[in-house]
Amino acid sequence: MLVVVHGGPGATHDYLLPLSVFASWGVRVVHYDQLGGGGSSRVEGVGAGFWRPELFLEELDNLLVGLGVGSDYVLFGQSWGGMLAAVHASRRPAGLRGLVIANAPVSYPVWRAEMEVLRAQLPPGVDEVLRRHEAAGTTDCDEYQQAVGVFYGRHFCRLDPYPGPLMSTLLEMHSNPAVYHAMNGPNEFTVTGSLRDWSVRDVLPDIRVPTLVISGRHDEATSAAVRPFRELIPCSGWTVFEDSSHVPHLEEPDRFVRVLGGFLDSVGATARDSSTVSGG
């Protein structure tokens, strides 16, 4: 069984639905929406402190118990979900067979530092536009959003137009941004929320299952942000997708299926069907 943990925070499972292709390999694939987003429960009237990593780790534990799959599963976490998956695996759950950490940073301090590096490499004038509107508090204007689009087109998804599954998630996040804003901030390169200083680096040596690390050559989760997973997890390998940014399962789908499929074969992951469920 493959349990898929989406990114965000506050995203939905939709952009990861292409992973359901592994149902045809005999792997049961479980998608879910994390609390506060998509088809999951909304939580009103809570402060930003409510939205913390431990809440989503508890949700994942409850999901595994509720579905009765905690005795034999592979965990796939993408972006923020990769960080959650790493912490979950570090607690050495008995049924975890393998771990995939895709496009995730080892910490938000490293992520924030690397955002500065990537912004400095944008075409002339783009970062100046971003900083001018950030200083003025006018980040809702069209000029700012167009400059954000330049960054996203380089480091979030290099496809034009964006694939339907990704658009579904982005539209949902646009209509329901509460969790993303509380935990992350207004966009990918401005982290002002509760995750600003969160790191999973210290728990990585405690992971004892085979681990596949995935990133894109142009990823907003840069090599510097990803490399500690490979260096600190004892039984791990790292695959870089040369023509991808943050969503190689969409940008290089054929190679992605070969790479992830090979890993699933190597850990003996087998089951019979594909499921999509809502958490919360």
Protein backbone atom coordinates (compact mmCIF):
# COMPACT_ATOMS: atom_id res chain seq x y z
CA MET A 1 0.00 0.00 0.00
CA LEU A 2 1.15 3.54 -0.84
CA VAL A 3 -0.15 6.30 1.46
CA VAL A 4 0.26 9.75 -0.11
CA VAL A 5 0.78 12.85 2.05
CA HIS A 6 0.28 16.08 0.10
CA GLY A 7 2.07 19.39 0.49
CA GLY A 8 0.97 22.88 1.36
CA PRO A 9 0.20 23.11 4.18
CA GLY A 10 -3.42 23.58 3.24
CA ALA A 11 -3.22 22.00 -0.21
CA THR A 12 -5.31 19.07 -1.44
CA HIS A 13 -4.57 15.61 -2.78
CA ASP A 14 -5.69 16.48 -6.33
CA TYR A 15 -2.27 17.38 -7.76
CA LEU A 16 -0.93 14.00 -6.64
CA LEU A 17 -3.72 11.94 -8.20
CA PRO A 18 -1.39 10.82 -11.04
CA LEU A 19 0.25 8.54 -8.45
CA SER A 20 -2.86 6.40 -8.72
CA VAL A 21 -1.24 4.92 -11.83
CA PHE A 22 0.46 2.52 -9.45
CA ALA A 23 -2.86 0.80 -8.87
CA SER A 24 -2.19 -0.87 -12.21
CA TRP A 25 1.05 -2.21 -10.68
CA GLY A 26 -0.95 -3.94 -7.97
CA VAL A 27 -0.31 -1.22 -5.38
CA ARG A 28 -3.22 0.11 -3.36
CA VAL A 29 -2.91 3.92 -3.38
CA VAL A 30 -4.52 5.99 -0.62
CA HIS A 31 -4.97 9.75 -1.03
CA TYR A 32 -6.43 12.02 1.62
CA ASP A 33 -6.95 15.73 2.25
CA GLN A 34 -5.35 17.05 5.40
CA LEU A 35 -7.44 18.77 8.04
CA GLY A 36 -8.64 22.22 7.00
CA GLY A 37 -8.48 21.73 3.23
CA GLY A 38 -10.16 20.06 0.28
CA GLY A 39 -12.74 17.48 1.25
CA SER A 40 -11.57 17.37 4.87
CA SER A 41 -13.13 19.12 7.85
CA ARG A 42 -12.88 22.88 8.25
CA VAL A 43 -11.95 24.30 11.63
CA GLU A 44 -13.25 27.78 12.41
CA GLY A 45 -12.38 30.25 15.15
CA VAL A 46 -8.93 28.92 16.07
CA GLY A 47 -5.70 30.85 16.38
CA ALA A 48 -2.60 30.28 14.29
CA GLY A 49 -1.13 28.17 17.09
CA PHE A 50 -3.72 25.48 16.43
CA TRP A 51 -2.11 24.67 13.10
CA ARG A 52 1.05 22.83 14.11
CA PRO A 53 2.94 19.85 12.66
CA GLU A 54 1.95 17.54 15.52
CA LEU A 55 -1.73 18.01 14.64
CA PHE A 56 -1.11 16.61 11.15
CA LEU A 57 1.10 13.81 12.46
CA GLU A 58 -1.73 12.75 14.75
CA GLU A 59 -4.11 12.93 11.78
CA LEU A 60 -1.84 10.63 9.77
CA ASP A 61 -1.69 8.15 12.64
CA ASN A 62 -5.48 8.21 12.93
CA LEU A 63 -5.83 7.66 9.19
CA LEU A 64 -3.60 4.60 9.25
CA VAL A 65 -5.50 3.13 12.18
CA GLY A 66 -8.90 4.00 10.73
CA LEU A 67 -8.14 2.38 7.39
CA GLY A 68 -6.49 -0.61 9.04
CA VAL A 69 -3.35 -0.20 6.91
CA GLY A 70 -0.77 0.55 9.58
CA SER A 71 0.71 -2.94 9.51
CA ASP A 72 2.16 -2.77 5.97
CA TYR A 73 2.55 0.46 3.99
CA VAL A 74 4.90 2.76 2.11
CA LEU A 75 4.66 6.48 2.86
CA PHE A 76 5.04 9.09 0.10
CA GLY A 77 5.31 12.70 1.27
CA GLN A 78 5.60 15.65 -1.11
CA SER A 79 6.96 19.10 -0.10
CA TRP A 80 5.58 19.90 3.39
CA GLY A 81 4.17 16.37 3.33
CA GLY A 82 7.70 15.02 2.92
CA MET A 83 8.72 16.69 6.16
CA LEU A 84 5.69 15.18 7.92
CA ALA A 85 6.51 11.78 6.47
CA ALA A 86 10.11 12.03 7.71
CA VAL A 87 9.01 12.73 11.28
CA HIS A 88 6.46 9.91 11.12
CA ALA A 89 9.12 7.49 9.91
CA SER A 90 11.61 8.62 12.58
CA ARG A 91 9.21 7.27 15.21
CA ARG A 92 9.73 3.82 13.67
CA PRO A 93 6.13 2.65 13.19
CA ALA A 94 6.14 -1.13 12.99
CA GLY A 95 4.32 -1.44 9.65
CA LEU A 96 6.28 1.10 7.63
CA ARG A 97 7.98 -0.69 4.73
CA GLY A 98 9.56 2.26 2.91
CA LEU A 99 9.61 6.06 2.73
CA VAL A 100 9.61 8.53 -0.17
CA ILE A 101 10.50 12.17 0.51
CA ALA A 102 9.72 14.24 -2.57
CA ASN A 103 10.63 17.92 -3.11
CA ALA A 104 10.88 18.67 0.60
CA PRO A 105 13.30 20.94 2.49
CA VAL A 106 15.01 19.70 5.61
CA SER A 107 14.04 22.90 7.41
CA TYR A 108 12.27 26.19 6.83
CA PRO A 109 15.29 28.28 7.86
CA VAL A 110 17.22 26.59 5.03
CA TRP A 111 14.21 26.99 2.72
CA ARG A 112 14.03 30.72 3.49
CA ALA A 113 17.75 31.19 2.88
CA GLU A 114 17.55 29.34 -0.43
CA MET A 115 14.57 31.47 -1.50
CA GLU A 116 16.86 34.48 -1.30
CA VAL A 117 19.34 32.71 -3.58
CA LEU A 118 16.64 31.84 -6.12
CA ARG A 119 15.13 35.31 -6.06
CA ALA A 120 18.52 36.85 -6.78
CA GLN A 121 18.71 34.71 -9.94
CA LEU A 122 15.38 35.90 -11.38
CA PRO A 123 15.41 38.01 -14.56
CA PRO A 124 16.45 41.65 -14.06
CA GLY A 125 13.84 43.72 -12.26
CA VAL A 126 11.62 40.87 -11.07
CA ASP A 127 12.93 40.69 -7.51
CA GLU A 128 12.85 44.49 -7.31
CA VAL A 129 9.14 44.39 -8.12
CA LEU A 130 8.57 41.72 -5.50
CA ARG A 131 10.45 43.63 -2.79
CA ARG A 132 8.82 46.96 -3.60
CA HIS A 133 5.33 45.57 -3.20
CA GLU A 134 6.27 43.49 -0.15
CA ALA A 135 7.59 46.63 1.55
CA ALA A 136 4.48 48.60 0.60
CA GLY A 137 2.04 45.87 1.58
CA THR A 138 0.57 45.79 -1.93
CA THR A 139 1.10 42.11 -2.66
CA ASP A 140 -2.45 41.69 -3.96
CA CYS A 141 -1.81 43.86 -7.01
CA ASP A 142 -1.46 42.45 -10.53
CA GLU A 143 2.17 43.55 -10.94
CA TYR A 144 3.21 41.62 -7.85
CA GLN A 145 1.26 38.53 -8.86
CA GLN A 146 2.84 38.58 -12.31
CA ALA A 147 6.29 38.69 -10.70
CA VAL A 148 5.32 35.78 -8.43
CA GLY A 149 4.33 33.92 -11.60
CA VAL A 150 7.85 34.33 -12.97
CA PHE A 151 9.26 32.62 -9.88
CA TYR A 152 6.65 29.86 -9.96
CA GLY A 153 7.26 29.21 -13.65
CA ARG A 154 10.91 28.58 -12.90
CA HIS A 155 10.84 26.79 -9.56
CA PHE A 156 7.32 25.49 -8.85
CA CYS A 157 6.06 24.03 -12.14
CA ARG A 158 7.77 24.54 -15.49
CA LEU A 159 4.79 23.39 -17.56
CA ASP A 160 2.60 25.91 -19.38
CA PRO A 161 -0.29 25.63 -18.90
CA TYR A 162 -0.35 23.93 -15.53
CA PRO A 163 -1.84 20.41 -15.61
CA GLY A 164 -5.46 20.04 -14.50
CA PRO A 165 -4.72 18.20 -11.22
CA LEU A 166 -2.35 20.99 -10.13
CA MET A 167 -4.85 23.70 -11.09
CA SER A 168 -7.52 21.94 -9.03
CA THR A 169 -5.32 22.13 -5.94
CA LEU A 170 -4.29 25.76 -6.55
CA LEU A 171 -7.88 26.88 -7.07
CA GLU A 172 -8.93 25.18 -3.85
CA MET A 173 -6.07 26.84 -1.95
CA HIS A 174 -7.01 30.21 -3.43
CA SER A 175 -10.58 29.86 -2.18
CA ASN A 176 -9.51 28.46 1.20
CA PRO A 177 -6.06 29.84 2.14
CA ALA A 178 -6.43 29.83 5.93
CA VAL A 179 -4.10 26.93 6.75
CA TYR A 180 -1.47 27.94 4.19
CA HIS A 181 -1.41 31.52 5.42
CA ALA A 182 -1.29 30.51 9.09
CA MET A 183 1.52 27.99 8.70
CA ASN A 184 3.47 29.20 5.67
CA GLY A 185 2.54 32.73 4.64
CA PRO A 186 1.36 34.57 1.53
CA ASN A 187 3.45 32.60 -1.00
CA GLU A 188 6.19 30.01 -1.40
CA PHE A 189 9.09 32.39 -0.84
CA THR A 190 7.63 34.44 2.02
CA VAL A 191 7.41 32.19 5.08
CA THR A 192 5.97 34.20 7.94
CA GLY A 193 3.76 31.58 9.59
CA SER A 194 4.18 29.00 12.33
CA LEU A 195 6.55 26.88 10.23
CA ARG A 196 9.08 29.69 9.88
CA ASP A 197 11.66 27.99 12.12
CA TRP A 198 10.55 24.34 11.87
CA SER A 199 13.16 21.68 11.06
CA VAL A 200 13.21 17.91 10.78
CA ARG A 201 17.00 17.60 10.54
CA ASP A 202 17.51 16.21 14.05
CA VAL A 203 15.19 13.22 13.58
CA LEU A 204 16.59 11.98 10.27
CA PRO A 205 19.20 9.58 11.75
CA ASP A 206 16.34 7.77 13.51
CA ILE A 207 14.75 6.67 10.21
CA ARG A 208 15.48 2.99 9.65
CA VAL A 209 13.48 2.07 6.54
CA PRO A 210 14.69 2.27 2.92
CA THR A 211 14.17 5.84 1.77
CA LEU A 212 13.96 7.40 -1.69
CA VAL A 213 14.62 11.15 -1.88
CA ILE A 214 13.33 12.99 -4.97
CA SER A 215 13.88 16.54 -6.18
CA GLY A 216 13.94 18.57 -9.39
CA ARG A 217 17.03 20.28 -10.78
CA HIS A 218 15.11 23.58 -10.78
CA ASP A 219 13.20 22.86 -7.57
CA GLU A 220 12.32 25.55 -5.05
CA ALA A 221 13.44 22.85 -2.62
CA THR A 222 17.04 23.32 -3.73
CA SER A 223 19.89 20.83 -3.49
CA ALA A 224 21.11 22.54 -0.32
CA ALA A 225 17.67 22.11 1.25
CA VAL A 226 17.32 18.45 0.17
CA ARG A 227 20.84 17.06 0.58
CA PRO A 228 20.63 16.48 4.38
CA PHE A 229 17.95 13.82 3.81
CA ARG A 230 20.45 11.80 1.78
CA GLU A 231 23.32 12.48 4.16
CA LEU A 232 21.52 11.78 7.45
CA ILE A 233 19.05 8.98 6.67
CA PRO A 234 21.09 5.75 6.90
CA CYS A 235 19.45 3.74 4.08
CA SER A 236 18.62 6.34 1.47
CA GLY A 237 19.14 7.24 -2.19
CA TRP A 238 18.55 10.52 -4.02
CA THR A 239 17.19 10.95 -7.55
CA VAL A 240 17.26 14.37 -9.24
CA PHE A 241 14.90 15.03 -12.17
CA GLU A 242 16.87 17.20 -14.57
CA ASP A 243 13.91 18.79 -16.40
CA SER A 244 11.72 19.39 -13.36
CA SER A 245 11.13 21.87 -10.60
CA HIS A 246 8.80 21.17 -7.64
CA VAL A 247 6.42 18.63 -9.22
CA PRO A 248 8.43 16.08 -11.24
CA HIS A 249 5.53 13.61 -11.12
CA LEU A 250 3.82 16.08 -13.49
CA GLU A 251 6.85 17.50 -15.29
CA GLU A 252 8.59 14.19 -16.08
CA PRO A 253 5.81 11.63 -15.54
CA ASP A 254 7.34 8.73 -17.46
CA ARG A 255 10.67 8.84 -15.64
CA PHE A 256 8.89 9.47 -12.35
CA VAL A 257 6.83 6.31 -12.74
CA ARG A 258 9.98 4.29 -13.52
CA VAL A 259 11.86 5.68 -10.52
CA LEU A 260 9.08 5.37 -7.97
CA GLY A 261 7.92 2.06 -9.41
CA GLY A 262 11.44 0.67 -9.08
CA PHE A 263 11.55 1.73 -5.45
CA LEU A 264 8.15 0.19 -4.70
CA ASP A 265 9.33 -3.04 -6.31
CA SER A 266 12.50 -2.96 -4.20
CA VAL A 267 10.57 -2.79 -0.93
CA GLY A 268 7.99 -5.38 -1.98
CA ALA A 269 4.96 -3.09 -1.94
CA THR A 270 1.86 -4.95 -3.21
CA ALA A 271 -1.93 -4.61 -2.93
CA ARG A 272 -4.98 -4.75 -5.13
CA ASP A 273 -6.83 -1.45 -5.69
CA SER A 274 -6.71 2.36 -5.57
CA SER A 275 -8.62 4.47 -3.04
CA THR A 276 -9.23 8.17 -2.53
CA VAL A 277 -10.48 9.26 0.87
CA SER A 278 -10.91 12.52 2.76
CA GLY A 279 -9.33 12.95 6.16
CA GLY A 280 -10.44 14.99 9.13
